[in-house]
Amino acid sequence: MKTITLDEVAYERLKAWKRGRGESFSSVIKRVLPEPGTLGAILGFTEIHQTQALAGNRVMEEAVEARSAVKGDPWT
């Protein structure tokens, strides 16, 4: 066990992820956050949370495409 400190905003965000009174904050963190450094964990996270449907994806994709057009193809 470890004790951590959260400000009110962080606490409320974490609390919002709880699926019920019986779920601990440790369970929420393990369920929501992927293990660091593994591609499989990131893929699992995106599949579980359906991140492809997030509103910000289009903005990010447009930014990447715009940068790619300016930068050119690094493989040629």
Protein backbone atom coordinates (compact mmCIF):
# COMPACT_ATOMS: atom_id res chain seq x y z
CA MET A 1 0.00 0.00 0.00
CA LYS A 2 1.09 3.53 -0.81
CA THR A 3 -0.46 6.83 0.14
CA ILE A 4 -0.80 9.42 -2.63
CA THR A 5 -2.06 12.99 -2.64
CA LEU A 6 -4.49 14.30 -5.26
CA ASP A 7 -5.90 17.77 -5.67
CA GLU A 8 -9.69 18.09 -5.82
CA VAL A 9 -9.86 18.12 -9.62
CA ALA A 10 -7.74 14.97 -9.97
CA TYR A 11 -9.74 13.24 -7.24
CA GLU A 12 -13.06 14.02 -8.93
CA ARG A 13 -11.77 12.76 -12.30
CA LEU A 14 -10.58 9.52 -10.75
CA LYS A 15 -13.80 9.13 -8.80
CA ALA A 16 -15.83 9.60 -12.01
CA TRP A 17 -14.21 6.44 -13.47
CA LYS A 18 -15.44 4.24 -10.61
CA ARG A 19 -18.05 1.70 -11.66
CA GLY A 20 -19.67 1.49 -8.28
CA ARG A 21 -19.16 1.94 -4.58
CA GLY A 22 -17.37 -1.40 -4.31
CA GLU A 23 -14.62 -0.57 -6.82
CA SER A 24 -11.38 0.70 -5.31
CA PHE A 25 -9.29 3.47 -6.79
CA SER A 26 -6.52 0.90 -7.32
CA SER A 27 -8.89 -1.16 -9.45
CA VAL A 28 -9.88 1.92 -11.46
CA ILE A 29 -6.25 2.81 -12.17
CA LYS A 30 -5.38 -0.75 -13.21
CA ARG A 31 -8.45 -0.92 -15.46
CA VAL A 32 -8.05 2.49 -17.09
CA LEU A 33 -4.28 3.01 -17.42
CA PRO A 34 -2.31 0.76 -19.74
CA GLU A 35 0.95 -0.76 -18.54
CA PRO A 36 3.79 1.53 -19.64
CA GLY A 37 6.02 0.60 -22.51
CA THR A 38 4.07 -2.17 -24.21
CA LEU A 39 2.41 -1.88 -27.59
CA GLY A 40 -0.04 -4.60 -26.58
CA ALA A 41 -1.15 -2.55 -23.61
CA ILE A 42 -1.77 0.49 -25.78
CA LEU A 43 -3.72 -1.58 -28.30
CA GLY A 44 -5.78 -3.15 -25.52
CA PHE A 45 -6.48 0.29 -24.06
CA THR A 46 -7.66 1.69 -27.39
CA GLU A 47 -9.90 -1.32 -28.01
CA ILE A 48 -11.48 -1.29 -24.54
CA HIS A 49 -12.06 2.46 -24.48
CA GLN A 50 -12.95 2.78 -28.19
CA THR A 51 -10.59 5.70 -28.58
CA GLN A 52 -11.16 5.74 -32.34
CA ALA A 53 -14.51 7.43 -31.59
CA LEU A 54 -13.06 10.35 -29.58
CA ALA A 55 -13.88 13.81 -30.93
CA GLY A 56 -10.27 15.01 -30.82
CA ASN A 57 -9.04 12.30 -33.18
CA ARG A 58 -10.01 14.24 -36.31
CA VAL A 59 -8.08 17.33 -35.15
CA MET A 60 -5.01 15.25 -34.35
CA GLU A 61 -5.20 13.38 -37.66
CA GLU A 62 -5.48 16.66 -39.60
CA ALA A 63 -2.44 18.05 -37.77
CA VAL A 64 -0.38 14.95 -38.57
CA GLU A 65 -1.47 15.02 -42.22
CA ALA A 66 -0.65 18.73 -42.52
CA ARG A 67 2.79 18.21 -41.02
CA SER A 68 3.43 15.16 -43.23
CA ALA A 69 2.63 17.17 -46.37
CA VAL A 70 5.12 19.88 -45.40
CA LYS A 71 7.83 17.51 -44.25
CA GLY A 72 7.76 15.17 -47.24
CA ASP A 73 8.36 11.45 -47.44
CA PRO A 74 11.44 10.50 -45.37
CA TRP A 75 11.84 7.21 -47.27
CA THR A 76 12.53 8.78 -50.66
